[in-house]
Amino acid sequence: MNTTFATRTRPFTSPYPIDNIQAEAVASRDQRNRERAARIKSLVASAPSHNKDEFYWTMIYDLEEAPTMTARSMLLEHGIIPVPPQELVTTADTHDELWTIIEGLSKCGVFLVNTGHLCDRDLYARLYYRILDEQCRAMPPSSEAAEYVDCLHPMDLEYPIGEKMPQLTSAPVCKPAGTYARGPQFNVIGIICDRDDYLPRPW
């Protein structure tokens, strides 16, 4: 994953001691990675002689045994504290913060799908107030597995006037390295946008 991701394009000052918080989060992540490596080694050692493939047991661990934590906690490992939506005054601020969070999640191995029915502000609010506090598998970005978060809610399937929205698909599209770019701003409510085409994906 490109390490230049997840940098705000505007000045940001946190009221919290972000350096201390990030240091603690990184220490926790490093401990988690050490425990992961030890457990995978244990799984390989205890496996039958005909099934000592480390890749197989790594996948078993990441998909079945990896600890769960919130995406908000994962973001702290990259020094990101999401800004409350009400503090994002301009559409440019909202767009920047939205993509900072999207990029930060991708560095954690978490990827969004089905975002095209939400404008930037609505998607950011859904992330901030709901999705970032949901539990998901804590897998390193180097894992062959990845966590996908569907941003489509059942109540999104109908417009207020009762007209059904176009069918959406949750199938993620993998992109070759070097093709990533932030998507444009989407500020119109009720219009399907092509944001999903711009979202980062595992390489």
Protein backbone atom coordinates (compact mmCIF):
# COMPACT_ATOMS: atom_id res chain seq x y z
CA MET A 1 0.00 0.00 0.00
CA ASN A 2 1.32 3.45 -0.91
CA THR A 3 2.71 5.07 2.25
CA THR A 4 2.01 8.59 0.98
CA PHE A 5 -1.72 8.02 1.54
CA ALA A 6 -3.64 9.65 4.36
CA THR A 7 -2.26 13.17 4.52
CA ARG A 8 -4.57 16.12 4.93
CA THR A 9 -4.24 18.86 2.35
CA ARG A 10 -5.20 21.60 4.84
CA PRO A 11 -3.79 22.63 8.24
CA PHE A 12 -5.06 20.49 11.10
CA THR A 13 -4.63 21.06 14.82
CA SER A 14 -5.81 18.40 17.26
CA PRO A 15 -6.89 19.33 20.80
CA TYR A 16 -5.48 15.97 21.87
CA PRO A 17 -1.79 15.00 22.41
CA ILE A 18 -1.74 13.17 19.11
CA ASP A 19 1.93 12.15 19.29
CA ASN A 20 1.40 10.28 22.56
CA ILE A 21 -1.82 8.69 21.33
CA GLN A 22 -0.20 7.55 18.11
CA ALA A 23 2.83 6.15 19.92
CA GLU A 24 0.59 4.05 22.16
CA ALA A 25 -1.47 2.86 19.18
CA VAL A 26 1.65 1.92 17.20
CA ALA A 27 3.05 0.02 20.20
CA SER A 28 -0.23 -1.88 20.44
CA ARG A 29 -0.13 -2.66 16.71
CA ASP A 30 3.46 -3.92 16.96
CA GLN A 31 2.49 -6.18 19.86
CA ARG A 32 -0.50 -7.45 17.85
CA ASN A 33 1.79 -8.23 14.90
CA ARG A 34 4.21 -10.13 17.15
CA GLU A 35 1.35 -12.19 18.57
CA ARG A 36 0.11 -12.84 15.03
CA ALA A 37 3.51 -14.11 13.90
CA ALA A 38 3.84 -16.33 16.97
CA ARG A 39 0.36 -17.79 16.53
CA ILE A 40 0.90 -18.52 12.83
CA LYS A 41 4.18 -20.24 13.69
CA SER A 42 2.31 -22.31 16.30
CA LEU A 43 -0.39 -23.26 13.80
CA VAL A 44 2.21 -24.42 11.28
CA ALA A 45 4.08 -26.41 13.92
CA SER A 46 0.95 -28.21 15.13
CA ALA A 47 -0.39 -28.88 11.62
CA PRO A 48 -0.28 -32.36 10.07
CA SER A 49 2.92 -33.14 8.16
CA HIS A 50 1.07 -32.94 4.84
CA ASN A 51 -0.22 -29.43 5.51
CA LYS A 52 2.66 -27.24 6.70
CA ASP A 53 2.02 -24.46 4.20
CA GLU A 54 2.59 -21.17 6.07
CA PHE A 55 0.50 -19.18 3.59
CA TYR A 56 -2.51 -21.40 4.27
CA TRP A 57 -2.24 -21.01 8.05
CA THR A 58 -1.68 -17.27 7.71
CA MET A 59 -4.99 -17.03 5.86
CA ILE A 60 -6.68 -19.19 8.52
CA TYR A 61 -5.42 -16.89 11.24
CA ASP A 62 -6.31 -13.64 9.47
CA LEU A 63 -9.82 -14.78 8.55
CA GLU A 64 -10.76 -16.71 11.70
CA GLU A 65 -8.55 -15.69 14.61
CA ALA A 66 -7.38 -12.12 14.01
CA PRO A 67 -8.55 -9.85 16.85
CA THR A 68 -11.30 -7.34 16.20
CA MET A 69 -11.09 -3.62 16.84
CA THR A 70 -12.76 -0.47 15.59
CA ALA A 71 -11.59 1.33 12.48
CA ARG A 72 -11.34 4.49 14.58
CA SER A 73 -8.72 2.75 16.74
CA MET A 74 -6.84 1.60 13.64
CA LEU A 75 -6.68 5.18 12.33
CA LEU A 76 -4.88 6.25 15.51
CA GLU A 77 -1.99 4.03 14.45
CA HIS A 78 -1.48 6.47 11.56
CA GLY A 79 -1.93 9.60 13.63
CA ILE A 80 -5.44 10.31 12.35
CA ILE A 81 -8.18 11.58 14.65
CA PRO A 82 -11.31 12.20 12.51
CA VAL A 83 -12.74 15.71 12.73
CA PRO A 84 -16.39 15.96 13.87
CA PRO A 85 -18.63 16.69 10.85
CA GLN A 86 -19.93 19.93 12.34
CA GLU A 87 -16.40 21.33 12.38
CA LEU A 88 -15.98 20.86 8.63
CA VAL A 89 -17.28 24.19 7.41
CA THR A 90 -16.62 24.13 3.67
CA THR A 91 -17.25 21.44 1.06
CA ALA A 92 -13.50 21.38 0.38
CA ASP A 93 -12.82 20.62 4.07
CA THR A 94 -15.36 17.80 4.04
CA HIS A 95 -13.91 16.33 0.84
CA ASP A 96 -10.38 16.47 2.22
CA GLU A 97 -11.30 14.89 5.55
CA LEU A 98 -13.40 12.20 3.85
CA TRP A 99 -10.53 11.11 1.63
CA THR A 100 -8.03 11.32 4.46
CA ILE A 101 -10.18 8.81 6.34
CA ILE A 102 -10.65 6.63 3.24
CA GLU A 103 -6.91 6.59 2.64
CA GLY A 104 -6.16 5.98 6.32
CA LEU A 105 -8.50 2.99 6.34
CA SER A 106 -6.79 1.57 3.26
CA LYS A 107 -3.46 1.70 5.13
CA CYS A 108 -5.16 -0.45 7.78
CA GLY A 109 -6.37 -2.99 5.20
CA VAL A 110 -9.99 -1.74 5.36
CA PHE A 111 -11.76 -0.78 2.13
CA LEU A 112 -15.15 0.78 1.42
CA VAL A 113 -17.72 -0.37 -1.16
CA ASN A 114 -21.09 1.02 -2.25
CA THR A 115 -20.51 4.71 -1.52
CA GLY A 116 -21.83 6.16 -4.78
CA HIS A 117 -25.33 6.95 -3.50
CA LEU A 118 -24.04 9.30 -0.79
CA CYS A 119 -22.72 12.83 -1.19
CA ASP A 120 -19.40 13.62 0.52
CA ARG A 121 -20.98 15.08 3.67
CA ASP A 122 -23.46 12.21 4.11
CA LEU A 123 -20.78 9.57 3.58
CA TYR A 124 -18.45 11.27 6.04
CA ALA A 125 -21.22 11.51 8.64
CA ARG A 126 -21.98 7.80 8.19
CA LEU A 127 -18.32 6.97 8.65
CA TYR A 128 -17.88 9.23 11.67
CA TYR A 129 -21.03 8.30 13.57
CA ARG A 130 -21.40 4.61 12.71
CA ILE A 131 -18.87 2.79 10.54
CA LEU A 132 -15.69 3.89 12.32
CA ASP A 133 -17.02 2.46 15.59
CA GLU A 134 -17.98 -0.96 14.21
CA GLN A 135 -15.74 -3.93 14.94
CA CYS A 136 -13.70 -5.44 12.11
CA ARG A 137 -10.78 -7.84 11.77
CA ALA A 138 -7.40 -6.25 12.51
CA MET A 139 -5.32 -7.61 9.63
CA PRO A 140 -2.07 -6.01 8.47
CA PRO A 141 -2.16 -4.48 4.97
CA SER A 142 0.44 -7.05 3.94
CA SER A 143 -2.11 -9.82 4.48
CA GLU A 144 -3.59 -11.54 1.46
CA ALA A 145 -6.99 -10.99 3.07
CA ALA A 146 -8.73 -7.61 3.41
CA GLU A 147 -11.74 -6.19 5.25
CA TYR A 148 -14.50 -4.65 3.10
CA VAL A 149 -17.12 -2.35 4.60
CA ASP A 150 -20.43 -1.98 2.77
CA CYS A 151 -21.69 1.60 3.13
CA LEU A 152 -25.13 0.73 1.78
CA HIS A 153 -27.92 0.80 4.37
CA PRO A 154 -31.31 -0.88 3.73
CA MET A 155 -33.03 2.50 4.08
CA ASP A 156 -30.88 3.83 1.22
CA LEU A 157 -32.64 1.60 -1.27
CA GLU A 158 -35.58 3.96 -1.67
CA TYR A 159 -35.69 7.66 -2.36
CA PRO A 160 -37.92 9.77 -0.08
CA ILE A 161 -40.36 10.09 -2.98
CA GLY A 162 -40.53 6.31 -3.26
CA GLU A 163 -38.49 5.86 -6.41
CA LYS A 164 -36.00 3.01 -6.27
CA MET A 165 -32.35 3.87 -6.70
CA PRO A 166 -30.33 2.20 -9.48
CA GLN A 167 -28.98 -1.20 -8.53
CA LEU A 168 -25.65 -1.05 -6.71
CA THR A 169 -22.99 -3.70 -6.58
CA SER A 170 -20.59 -4.41 -3.73
CA ALA A 171 -18.03 -6.18 -5.93
CA PRO A 172 -14.67 -4.46 -5.28
CA VAL A 173 -12.47 -3.64 -8.24
CA CYS A 174 -8.74 -4.31 -7.79
CA LYS A 175 -6.48 -1.74 -9.42
CA PRO A 176 -2.86 -2.04 -10.53
CA ALA A 177 -0.23 -0.14 -8.57
CA GLY A 178 0.20 3.53 -9.40
CA THR A 179 -3.33 4.25 -10.63
CA TYR A 180 -4.78 5.81 -7.48
CA ALA A 181 -6.14 9.38 -7.40
CA ARG A 182 -8.64 11.08 -5.11
CA GLY A 183 -12.11 11.33 -6.55
CA PRO A 184 -13.84 14.66 -7.26
CA GLN A 185 -16.22 16.34 -4.83
CA PHE A 186 -19.81 15.09 -4.77
CA ASN A 187 -22.13 17.52 -3.04
CA VAL A 188 -25.54 16.79 -4.60
CA ILE A 189 -27.91 14.64 -2.54
CA GLY A 190 -29.80 11.89 -4.40
CA ILE A 191 -27.44 11.66 -7.37
CA ILE A 192 -25.47 8.46 -7.99
CA CYS A 193 -21.78 9.34 -8.31
CA ASP A 194 -18.79 7.31 -9.47
CA ARG A 195 -16.77 7.63 -6.24
CA ASP A 196 -16.31 3.86 -5.98
CA ASP A 197 -14.22 3.98 -9.16
CA TYR A 198 -11.67 6.12 -7.32
CA LEU A 199 -11.53 4.30 -3.99
CA PRO A 200 -8.21 2.66 -3.05
CA ARG A 201 -8.09 -1.11 -3.40
CA PRO A 202 -5.58 -3.80 -2.43
CA TRP A 203 -2.79 -4.15 -4.96
